[in-house]
Each structure stands twice: as C-alpha cells, then as structure tokens.
Protein backbone atom coordinates (compact mmCIF):
# COMPACT_ATOMS: atom_id res chain seq x y z
CA MET A 1 25.82 79.79 157.38
CA THR A 2 23.94 76.54 157.02
CA ASN A 3 24.56 74.17 154.13
CA LEU A 4 21.13 74.93 152.65
CA ALA A 5 21.77 78.67 152.74
CA LEU A 6 25.20 78.13 151.21
CA ILE A 7 23.80 76.10 148.31
CA ALA A 8 21.01 78.64 147.77
CA THR A 9 23.57 81.45 147.66
CA LEU A 10 25.69 79.51 145.18
CA LEU A 11 22.66 78.97 142.93
CA MET A 12 21.90 82.68 142.97
CA ILE A 13 25.51 83.47 142.05
CA MET A 14 25.28 80.96 139.19
CA ALA A 15 22.11 82.67 137.96
CA LEU A 16 23.96 85.99 138.01
CA ALA A 17 26.89 84.38 136.18
CA TYR A 18 24.51 83.06 133.51
CA HIS A 19 23.14 86.53 132.92
CA MET A 20 26.65 88.03 132.75
CA GLY A 21 27.80 85.38 130.27
CA LEU A 22 24.70 85.90 128.15
CA THR A 23 25.21 89.67 128.07
CA ARG A 24 28.94 89.34 127.41
CA SER A 25 28.46 86.98 124.45
CA ARG A 26 26.01 89.36 122.80
CA ALA A 27 28.37 92.28 123.39
CA VAL A 28 31.29 90.37 121.84
CA ALA A 29 29.18 89.46 118.80
CA ALA A 30 28.11 93.09 118.33
CA GLU A 31 31.62 94.43 118.94
CA HIS A 32 33.35 92.20 116.37
CA ASP A 33 30.33 91.98 114.04
CA VAL A 34 30.83 88.21 113.68
CA ARG A 35 28.70 85.16 114.19
CA MET A 36 29.44 83.36 117.45
CA HIS A 37 30.07 79.63 117.43
CA SER A 38 27.18 78.96 119.86
CA ARG A 39 23.98 80.63 120.87
CA PRO A 40 24.18 83.19 123.69
CA GLY A 41 22.42 80.82 126.10
CA TYR A 42 25.27 78.32 125.83
CA TYR A 43 27.83 80.98 126.78
CA GLY A 44 25.72 81.97 129.75
CA ALA A 45 25.35 78.33 130.83
CA LEU A 46 29.09 77.71 130.46
CA VAL A 47 29.98 80.76 132.58
CA ALA A 48 27.50 79.56 135.22
CA LEU A 49 29.08 76.10 135.18
CA TRP A 50 32.60 77.52 135.52
CA CYS A 51 31.32 79.56 138.43
CA GLY A 52 29.37 76.84 140.22
CA LEU A 53 30.97 73.47 139.58
CA PRO A 54 34.38 74.13 141.23
CA ALA A 55 32.66 75.65 144.27
CA LEU A 56 30.21 72.75 144.44
CA ALA A 57 33.02 70.19 144.19
CA LEU A 58 34.84 71.99 147.02
CA PHE A 59 31.64 71.95 149.10
CA LEU A 60 31.15 68.18 148.64
CA LEU A 61 34.79 67.36 149.40
CA TRP A 62 34.82 69.70 152.39
CA SER A 63 31.58 68.24 153.78
CA PHE A 64 33.10 64.76 153.63
CA LEU A 65 36.52 65.55 155.11
CA ALA A 66 35.83 68.39 157.57
CA PRO A 67 33.88 66.40 160.22
CA GLN A 68 36.57 63.72 160.32
CA LEU A 69 39.32 66.33 160.58
CA ILE A 70 37.49 68.15 163.40
CA GLU A 71 37.00 64.90 165.34
CA MET A 72 40.70 64.09 164.90
CA LEU A 73 41.72 67.56 166.19
CA VAL A 74 39.35 67.25 169.16
CA THR A 75 40.74 63.80 169.98
CA HIS A 76 44.32 65.15 169.91
CA GLN A 77 43.32 67.83 172.41
CA LEU A 78 42.13 65.25 174.95
CA PRO A 79 44.48 64.03 177.68
CA ALA A 80 46.60 61.14 176.44
CA ASP A 81 45.80 58.94 179.46
CA MET A 82 42.08 59.51 178.92
CA VAL A 83 42.23 58.43 175.28
CA ALA A 84 44.42 55.45 176.11
CA GLY A 85 41.89 54.21 178.65
CA MET A 86 39.03 54.19 176.14
CA SER A 87 38.11 51.42 173.74
CA ASP A 88 37.23 52.29 170.14
CA ARG A 89 33.51 52.04 170.89
CA GLU A 90 33.83 54.23 173.98
CA LEU A 91 35.75 56.84 172.01
CA VAL A 92 33.07 56.89 169.30
CA THR A 93 30.36 57.31 171.94
CA PHE A 94 32.34 60.11 173.61
CA LEU A 95 32.75 61.97 170.31
CA ARG A 96 29.03 61.62 169.56
CA ARG A 97 28.17 63.20 172.91
CA VAL A 98 30.70 65.97 172.30
CA THR A 99 29.21 66.64 168.85
CA ALA A 100 25.73 66.83 170.33
CA LEU A 101 26.90 69.28 172.99
CA ALA A 102 28.76 71.37 170.40
CA ASN A 103 25.57 71.60 168.34
CA GLU A 104 23.65 72.63 171.48
CA ARG A 105 21.66 69.44 171.75
CA SER A 106 20.87 67.88 175.10
CA VAL A 107 22.52 64.65 176.18
CA SER A 108 21.83 62.33 179.07
CA GLY A 109 23.60 63.43 182.26
CA GLY A 110 24.25 66.94 180.97
CA GLY A 111 27.86 66.19 180.01
CA THR A 112 31.03 65.84 182.08
CA SER A 113 33.63 68.55 182.39
CA GLU A 114 35.84 66.80 179.80
CA GLU A 115 32.91 66.57 177.38
CA LEU A 116 32.00 70.23 177.87
CA ALA A 117 35.59 71.35 177.27
CA ALA A 118 35.87 69.20 174.16
CA ALA A 119 32.49 70.49 172.94
CA ALA A 120 33.62 74.10 173.33
CA HIS A 121 36.78 73.33 171.35
CA MET A 122 34.73 71.56 168.67
CA ALA A 123 32.34 74.52 168.43
CA ARG A 124 35.28 76.87 167.80
CA LEU A 125 36.65 74.53 165.14
CA GLN A 126 33.25 74.27 163.46
CA THR A 127 32.91 78.07 163.36
CA PHE A 128 36.34 78.40 161.77
CA GLU A 129 35.53 75.59 159.35
CA ASN A 130 32.27 77.26 158.25
CA LEU A 131 33.95 80.62 157.67
CA SER A 132 36.80 78.97 155.76
CA LEU A 133 34.36 77.06 153.56
CA VAL A 134 32.37 80.19 152.73
CA ALA A 135 35.55 82.13 151.89
CA LEU A 136 37.02 79.38 149.70
CA MET A 137 33.75 78.81 147.86
CA ALA A 138 33.51 82.55 147.20
CA VAL A 139 37.06 82.59 145.82
CA PHE A 140 36.38 79.57 143.59
CA ALA A 141 33.07 80.99 142.32
CA VAL A 142 34.43 84.47 141.57
CA THR A 143 37.58 83.09 139.94
CA GLY A 144 35.58 80.77 137.70
CA LEU A 145 33.21 83.61 136.79
CA VAL A 146 36.00 86.01 135.86
CA VAL A 147 38.03 83.47 133.88
CA ALA A 148 35.02 82.15 131.95
CA ARG A 149 33.72 85.62 131.16
CA ARG A 150 37.11 86.71 129.79
CA ASN A 151 37.34 83.60 127.60
CA ILE A 152 34.13 84.39 125.71
CA SER A 153 35.05 84.76 122.05
CA PRO A 154 33.57 83.84 118.65
CA GLN A 155 35.80 80.74 118.51
CA TRP A 156 34.92 79.43 121.98
CA ARG A 157 32.89 76.23 121.54
CA ALA A 158 30.52 76.81 124.42
CA ARG A 159 27.83 74.46 123.14
CA ASN A 160 30.24 71.53 122.89
CA GLN A 161 31.52 72.07 126.42
CA VAL A 162 28.03 72.47 127.90
CA GLU A 163 26.81 69.33 126.17
CA ARG A 164 29.89 67.45 127.37
CA VAL A 165 29.12 68.47 130.94
CA ILE A 166 25.51 67.35 130.49
CA THR A 167 26.68 64.01 129.09
CA ILE A 168 28.98 63.49 132.06
CA ALA A 169 26.16 64.39 134.47
CA LEU A 170 23.81 61.90 132.80
CA ALA A 171 26.46 59.17 132.90
CA ALA A 172 27.15 59.94 136.56
CA SER A 173 23.44 59.72 137.34
CA SER A 174 23.31 56.31 135.69
CA GLY A 175 26.39 55.26 137.59
CA VAL A 176 24.79 56.20 140.91
CA ALA A 177 22.16 53.49 140.48
CA ILE A 178 24.73 50.92 139.35
CA PHE A 179 27.25 51.62 142.09
CA THR A 180 24.51 51.79 144.72
CA THR A 181 23.35 48.32 143.72
CA VAL A 182 26.91 47.01 143.73
CA GLY A 183 27.56 48.61 147.12
CA ILE A 184 24.43 47.08 148.64
CA VAL A 185 25.33 43.65 147.33
CA LEU A 186 28.93 43.86 148.53
CA SER A 187 27.88 45.05 151.99
CA MET A 188 25.40 42.18 152.30
CA LEU A 189 27.90 39.70 150.89
CA GLY A 190 30.55 40.62 153.45
CA GLU A 191 28.20 40.21 156.40
CA THR A 192 26.78 37.03 154.89
CA LEU A 193 30.25 35.49 154.73
CA LYS A 194 30.70 36.34 158.41
CA PHE A 195 27.41 34.59 159.14
CA PHE A 196 28.56 31.47 157.32
CA THR A 197 31.53 31.24 159.68
CA PHE A 198 28.98 30.42 162.39
CA ILE A 199 26.43 28.44 160.37
CA SER A 200 27.25 26.24 157.37
CA PRO A 201 25.56 27.13 154.06
CA ALA A 202 24.03 23.65 153.84
CA GLU A 203 22.41 24.05 157.26
CA PHE A 204 21.08 27.48 156.28
CA PHE A 205 19.73 26.71 152.80
CA LEU A 206 18.48 23.18 153.51
CA GLY A 207 17.40 23.47 157.14
CA THR A 208 13.73 22.98 157.93
CA THR A 209 13.72 24.52 161.42
CA TRP A 210 13.92 28.22 162.24
CA ASN A 211 14.80 28.88 165.88
CA PRO A 212 17.58 31.50 166.05
CA ARG A 213 17.73 31.76 169.82
CA PHE A 214 20.64 30.77 172.02
CA SER A 215 20.15 27.48 173.78
CA THR A 216 20.88 27.18 177.49
CA SER A 217 21.62 23.48 177.20
CA GLY A 218 24.96 24.03 175.54
CA THR A 219 24.30 21.49 172.80
CA ASP A 220 23.09 24.06 170.27
CA ALA A 221 24.58 27.35 171.36
CA GLN A 222 23.73 29.18 168.17
CA GLY A 223 20.18 28.09 167.48
CA GLU A 224 18.79 26.71 164.23
CA PHE A 225 18.72 28.82 161.07
CA GLY A 226 16.85 26.77 158.49
CA LEU A 227 15.78 28.96 155.54
CA LEU A 228 13.14 26.67 154.03
CA PRO A 229 10.22 27.63 156.36
CA LEU A 230 10.79 31.31 155.63
CA LEU A 231 11.28 30.77 151.91
CA TRP A 232 8.16 28.63 151.68
CA GLY A 233 6.13 31.21 153.60
CA THR A 234 7.37 33.97 151.28
CA MET A 235 6.51 31.96 148.18
CA MET A 236 3.09 30.98 149.55
CA VAL A 237 2.05 34.54 150.39
CA SER A 238 3.46 35.87 147.12
CA ALA A 239 1.71 33.17 145.08
CA ILE A 240 -1.65 33.98 146.68
CA ALA A 241 -1.07 37.68 146.01
CA LEU A 242 -0.20 37.05 142.36
CA LEU A 243 -3.21 34.77 141.91
CA VAL A 244 -5.33 37.73 142.96
CA ALA A 245 -3.45 40.56 141.25
CA ILE A 246 -2.55 39.09 137.86
CA PRO A 247 -6.03 38.03 136.65
CA VAL A 248 -7.80 41.05 138.11
CA GLY A 249 -5.11 43.50 137.01
CA LEU A 250 -4.79 42.08 133.48
CA MET A 251 -8.55 41.97 132.89
CA THR A 252 -8.84 45.51 134.22
CA ALA A 253 -6.11 46.63 131.81
CA ILE A 254 -7.81 44.93 128.84
CA TYR A 255 -11.16 46.52 129.66
CA MET A 256 -9.64 49.97 130.14
CA ALA A 257 -7.61 49.81 126.95
CA GLU A 258 -10.06 48.08 124.60
CA TYR A 259 -13.63 48.38 125.85
CA ALA A 260 -14.06 51.29 128.26
CA PRO A 261 -15.32 54.61 126.84
CA PRO A 262 -12.90 57.53 127.24
CA TRP A 263 -14.88 59.21 130.04
CA LEU A 264 -14.90 56.02 132.13
CA ARG A 265 -11.20 55.37 131.50
CA ASN A 266 -10.29 58.91 132.54
CA VAL A 267 -12.17 58.47 135.82
CA ALA A 268 -11.50 54.81 136.68
CA LYS A 269 -7.78 54.59 135.95
CA PRO A 270 -6.69 57.27 138.47
CA ILE A 271 -8.99 55.73 141.08
CA ILE A 272 -7.38 52.31 140.56
CA GLU A 273 -3.89 53.81 140.75
CA ILE A 274 -4.74 55.35 144.14
CA LEU A 275 -4.39 51.82 145.56
CA ALA A 276 -0.65 51.99 144.87
CA GLY A 277 -0.34 55.17 146.92
CA ILE A 278 -1.93 53.86 150.11
CA PRO A 279 0.75 53.16 152.78
CA THR A 280 1.37 49.47 153.31
CA ILE A 281 0.84 49.85 157.06
CA VAL A 282 -2.76 50.86 156.26
CA TYR A 283 -3.15 47.68 154.23
CA GLY A 284 -1.76 45.76 157.18
CA PHE A 285 -4.33 47.20 159.59
CA PHE A 286 -7.06 46.56 157.01
CA ALA A 287 -5.98 42.93 156.75
CA LEU A 288 -5.75 42.49 160.52
CA ILE A 289 -9.02 44.22 161.43
CA VAL A 290 -11.30 43.54 158.45
CA ILE A 291 -10.12 40.78 156.11
CA GLY A 292 -8.77 38.42 158.77
CA PRO A 293 -11.94 38.32 160.91
CA PHE A 294 -14.08 38.12 157.74
CA LEU A 295 -12.20 35.07 156.45
CA SER A 296 -12.33 33.48 159.90
CA ASN A 297 -16.11 33.93 160.04
CA VAL A 298 -16.51 32.53 156.52
CA GLY A 299 -14.41 29.54 157.53
CA ASP A 300 -16.64 28.94 160.56
CA LEU A 301 -19.71 28.95 158.33
CA ILE A 302 -18.35 26.31 155.97
CA GLY A 303 -16.55 24.27 158.64
CA ILE A 304 -12.94 25.28 157.88
CA ASN A 305 -10.57 26.62 160.50
CA ILE A 306 -9.11 29.83 159.04
CA ARG A 307 -6.92 31.84 161.38
CA THR A 308 -7.31 35.58 161.50
CA THR A 309 -3.60 35.99 160.78
CA SER A 310 -2.67 33.59 158.02
CA ALA A 311 -0.99 33.30 154.64
CA LEU A 312 -4.39 33.66 152.98
CA THR A 313 -5.16 36.93 154.77
CA ALA A 314 -1.79 38.47 153.94
CA GLY A 315 -1.86 37.18 150.36
CA LEU A 316 -5.33 38.51 149.57
CA VAL A 317 -4.61 41.99 150.86
CA MET A 318 -1.20 42.05 149.20
CA GLY A 319 -2.86 41.02 145.94
CA ILE A 320 -5.24 43.97 146.22
CA MET A 321 -2.29 46.26 146.86
CA ILE A 322 -0.33 45.22 143.74
CA ILE A 323 -3.30 45.26 141.33
CA PRO A 324 -2.33 48.78 140.12
CA PHE A 325 1.21 47.57 139.32
CA VAL A 326 -0.25 45.02 136.91
CA SER A 327 -3.22 46.98 135.55
CA SER A 328 -1.56 50.35 134.99
CA LEU A 329 1.58 49.02 133.32
CA SER A 330 -0.33 46.45 131.24
CA ASP A 331 -2.79 49.13 130.17
CA ASP A 332 0.03 51.41 129.02
CA ILE A 333 1.63 48.57 127.06
CA ILE A 334 -1.62 47.43 125.43
CA THR A 335 -2.48 50.95 124.30
CA GLN A 336 0.97 51.18 122.64
CA VAL A 337 0.27 48.24 120.31
CA PRO A 338 0.03 49.70 116.76
CA LYS A 339 -3.52 50.26 115.53
CA SER A 340 -2.54 48.68 112.21
CA LEU A 341 -2.32 45.27 113.90
CA ARG A 342 -5.86 45.61 115.18
CA ASP A 343 -7.15 46.87 111.85
CA GLY A 344 -5.46 44.01 109.99
CA ALA A 345 -7.00 41.37 112.26
CA LEU A 346 -10.45 42.96 112.07
CA GLY A 347 -10.12 43.25 108.30
CA LEU A 348 -9.45 39.50 108.06
CA GLY A 349 -12.73 38.81 109.85
CA ALA A 350 -11.57 38.37 113.46
CA THR A 351 -13.89 39.48 116.22
CA LYS A 352 -12.78 42.04 118.79
CA SER A 353 -12.14 39.38 121.43
CA GLU A 354 -10.19 37.24 118.95
CA THR A 355 -8.11 40.28 117.99
CA ILE A 356 -7.28 40.92 121.63
CA ARG A 357 -6.40 37.29 122.37
CA GLN A 358 -4.45 36.46 119.24
CA VAL A 359 -2.92 39.80 118.18
CA VAL A 360 -2.91 42.48 120.88
CA LEU A 361 -1.91 40.40 123.90
CA PRO A 362 0.92 38.50 122.10
CA ALA A 363 2.27 41.79 120.74
CA ALA A 364 2.15 43.35 124.21
CA LEU A 365 3.48 40.28 125.99
CA PRO A 366 7.00 41.61 126.71
CA GLY A 367 5.58 44.61 128.58
CA ILE A 368 2.95 42.50 130.33
CA VAL A 369 5.68 40.10 131.53
CA GLY A 370 7.53 43.12 132.88
CA ALA A 371 4.40 44.17 134.77
CA PHE A 372 4.07 40.66 136.23
CA LEU A 373 7.73 40.75 137.26
CA LEU A 374 7.31 44.08 139.02
CA ALA A 375 4.26 42.76 140.84
CA ALA A 376 6.12 39.59 141.88
CA SER A 377 9.10 41.56 143.14
CA ARG A 378 6.76 43.87 145.06
CA ALA A 379 5.01 40.91 146.64
CA ILE A 380 8.23 39.13 147.61
CA GLY A 381 9.69 42.25 149.20
CA GLU A 382 6.57 43.39 151.08
CA THR A 383 7.02 43.68 154.84
CA MET A 384 4.33 45.56 156.77
CA ILE A 385 1.35 43.57 155.51
CA VAL A 386 2.92 40.24 156.41
CA VAL A 387 4.17 41.60 159.72
CA LEU A 388 0.60 42.34 160.80
CA ALA A 389 -1.43 39.76 158.87
CA ALA A 390 0.69 36.63 158.29
CA GLY A 391 1.07 35.58 161.92
CA ASN A 392 4.87 35.18 162.14
CA ASN A 393 4.93 31.40 162.51
CA PRO A 394 8.16 30.06 160.91
CA VAL A 395 6.95 26.48 160.51
CA LEU A 396 7.14 24.49 157.27
CA HIS A 397 3.57 23.58 156.24
CA ALA A 398 1.34 23.82 153.16
CA ASN A 399 -1.84 25.08 154.80
CA PRO A 400 -2.62 28.65 153.61
CA PHE A 401 -5.18 28.99 156.42
CA GLU A 402 -2.44 28.85 159.06
CA ALA A 403 0.07 31.49 160.11
CA VAL A 404 3.42 31.69 158.31
CA SER A 405 6.53 33.82 158.42
CA THR A 406 8.37 35.38 155.49
CA ILE A 407 11.94 36.42 154.87
CA THR A 408 11.18 40.14 155.20
CA VAL A 409 9.36 39.67 158.51
CA THR A 410 12.28 37.68 159.86
CA ILE A 411 14.75 40.39 158.83
CA VAL A 412 12.70 42.91 160.81
CA ASN A 413 12.59 40.60 163.83
CA GLN A 414 16.31 39.91 163.77
CA LEU A 415 17.25 43.59 163.52
CA THR A 416 14.80 44.87 166.13
CA GLY A 417 16.17 45.93 169.49
CA ASP A 418 19.70 46.29 170.79
CA MET A 419 21.47 43.61 168.75
CA ASP A 420 25.09 42.53 168.67
CA PHE A 421 26.12 42.62 165.02
CA ALA A 422 28.87 40.11 165.66
CA SER A 423 26.38 37.34 166.49
CA PRO A 424 24.70 34.98 164.01
CA GLN A 425 21.29 36.12 165.26
CA SER A 426 21.90 39.53 163.65
CA LEU A 427 24.17 38.52 160.78
CA VAL A 428 21.50 36.15 159.47
CA ALA A 429 19.48 39.21 158.39
CA PHE A 430 22.13 39.97 155.77
CA ALA A 431 22.06 36.39 154.51
CA LEU A 432 18.29 36.62 154.20
CA GLY A 433 18.55 39.94 152.38
CA LEU A 434 21.07 38.53 149.93
CA THR A 435 18.74 35.58 149.33
CA LEU A 436 15.92 37.98 148.44
CA PHE A 437 18.25 39.77 146.04
CA VAL A 438 19.16 36.51 144.28
CA ILE A 439 15.47 35.59 143.97
CA THR A 440 14.67 38.96 142.40
CA LEU A 441 17.65 38.63 140.07
CA GLY A 442 16.36 35.23 138.96
CA LEU A 443 12.96 36.73 138.18
CA ASN A 444 14.66 39.40 136.06
CA VAL A 445 16.62 36.81 134.11
CA ILE A 446 13.48 34.78 133.39
CA ALA A 447 11.65 37.91 132.28
CA LEU A 448 14.51 38.91 129.96
CA ILE A 449 14.44 35.49 128.32
CA VAL A 450 10.70 35.68 127.70
CA VAL A 451 10.86 39.28 126.47
CA ARG A 452 13.72 38.52 124.09
CA LYS A 453 11.95 35.50 122.63
CA TYR A 454 8.69 37.27 121.87
CA ARG A 455 10.29 40.56 120.89
CA GLN A 456 12.12 38.76 118.07
CA GLN A 457 8.82 37.35 116.95
CA TYR A 458 6.84 40.59 116.80
CA GLU A 459 9.39 43.22 115.83
C-alpha cells in the first residue's frame, strides 16, 4: 500500500471514529438523562483524534527510520571485503542504485550481480516493512478508537482536550516557520565558515574584483571573490526597480482606494494583480526580447549607448513585476483607514487631495512601509529576470546602461554543473546567500523602527 493510500485510509477511519464518538455521546446523554460537559461534536472529534494521532505519529516516525534501517540491513548482507573496499561516497552511490533497482527503476548499465542481489533483498525488506506498518497502524487506530469510545462520559472534558490539541497544532505550525528559518541560517552559516577558511572575510566583503576561477599561474590558486561588484549590481538593479514600482504602485493604490468608482476598481484591481502571477522567466524573456532592444534603439536615437542586457533593462522589467506588491498591499491598507479621519478632515475644510496627503497617507504609513519592504525584498531576491536581462558582468561601475551581475545570479552560476562542495568556488554561494539574508533582515529592522514610530503617533 502506498503512503497516499495509507493516509487516505486513515482519514476514512478517523471519519468513522468521529461518527461513532458522536453517536456514543448522544446515547450516553440519553441513557443517563444528564447534560454532557461538551457538545456531541467535541466527543466525536476527540475519538477521531485518539484514533488518528497515534497512528499518524507512528507513520511519520516509521517513514523516517525505516529507509535507514533497510539500508543498514542491506549493507550488512553485502560481503565484508566488498564493503571494506568502498569509500563512503561509493557506498552511497551503490545503495542509490540498489534502491532504484528495488523500486523497479532503470539504472545505467543494468546493474551488476551484486546490485541485483542486494536489490532483491531490499525489495523483500520493503514488502515486510510495508505490511508491518499497515498492521501496526491498524492496531494503534483501533486501540485508540476503542479506548476513547469507552471513556465517553458526562464528566469527560472533550472540548478542553480538543481545544488543547488545536492549540498545540497551531503552535507547532508557527514553530515550523521559525525552525525552518533557523535551520536555513545555520546551514548557510556552517558552509560560510568553511568558505572563510579559504578566503578571508576582509577580502570577501571589501574586494572589488570577482573572478572565482582557479588560476594556472599558481600565484592565485583560489581566484578572487570580491563581493562589492555583486552587491553594487544588486543594489543598482533593485533601486531602478523600486524607482519604477513605488511611485506607480502607490499612485495606483491611491486612485483605486480614493478616486476610482466601484465598477472600475472591481475590474482593474484583479487585472493589476495578474502581474504578480506571471512567471518570472516570462518577464525575463520579455526583457530580453522586447524591452532590451527597445531601450537600445532609443539610446541610438538620442546618442547614448544602451546595451540590450543591462541594469536598466532588468530594473525596469523587475519594477513592472513588483508593482502589484506595492499597489495591492497599499490599497488594502489605505481602505482600512477609518472613515472618521476622512470625515473630520473634510469637515475642517480640507480638500480631498489634502485629506489624502495629510491624513490618510500618514495614518496608513506603517502598512505602506511594509509594502515597500516586501517589494524591496522581492527585488533583491529576484533571479530569473537578472539572469536573462542584466548581462552577468561582475564589474564595479556606476553606469546603468551597462551589464551588471547580482548576488542571486552569481549563486546560480556557482552552483550550476558538477561542483565540488569542498571548494571555495561552490562554498561562496552560501556566503552570498547569507549576505542576502542579512540585507533582508536589515530592511525588516528599518521597517519595524518606522512602523513603531508612526504607530505610536496615530493609535
């Protein structure tokens, strides 16, 4: 039985358990002619939880431990001299091929006799493991169902227990995001520290040359890893994008919230938000095929050399892409400003434009700053548009009409192909990723300071 079928079966058993708990609680209330502590639905939900949660916990633990146990048993069945002659990487590759053969997937070469024998043994172990999992989950589910159903009584605080489970589930969901962020940072931090054993932090953060290739001369065997060209390119493209997105997006939000009739708002806002759903690779092709040649032709007309792939091309198209992030969020915030503030300003003789400038926008400023922050983070982390439209030229210059390279593009370049993750050429990608994280964290801190200041003023 596949994992999906197993989970579907468990959900159906939980639905049956809910119905049995619901029916049992009503029968107990009628039998004893008393008022139950909780509503019947809570008893049904609690019986379903007793039935499903232990089986689900077993399934998760089993799914994590069983593959490792099977690989260990398969390894112990191999000849000792064969295992001793393999390195750790060779053994991992061997087990991957055996797993593919056991799951009836093709491998290059068709598999040796040792691999075929190990695959047959692994297939038998997997069959036994699947049957054992189904049996144990059935025992856990039935046991939980029987015990919970017998415990139904007028004094059983089913609602409290169900709400406690819901609270734990909500806290666990919040913890997933927190621990995921912490895990990402720690993983990048560990690889970054390895990178700094090859390249000094001062050379990385203050270097002005990016040339991460091995040198054949022997004088610079690890290349040059100066961050400043990449950081400057990222800031240049992001600044151009924000110069396009912030004014256009904010003015669009003001018009939609304050001036547009309802029929136009209902039509125009979804159309604007469609821009956020277009894949970034499409924006990249649009920049490379349409915007880049158009800017180059305009530059030829006015006597300016504008490259087809440049910071200006990538920034303009990126700005178009993040307009919905600014306009939609700003619009939602502006419409949430209390009508009493508008009425008070208009009652004192202010015009509509003065009310917007001096009352509505200051009151909505915390949310608008959040929209700007989201747009900035989106621009800094964008990859596909700059891969196709920025030109990938990691040189430190201030000309937006020339090609540049960004941190995200460089991460893609360094992790493309068959790379050795023990070399600085690959480890630098983690240092660049951690740098992006710190930049985004700094933007969040600045936004929190601004929001706190103005929130105290208008609350």
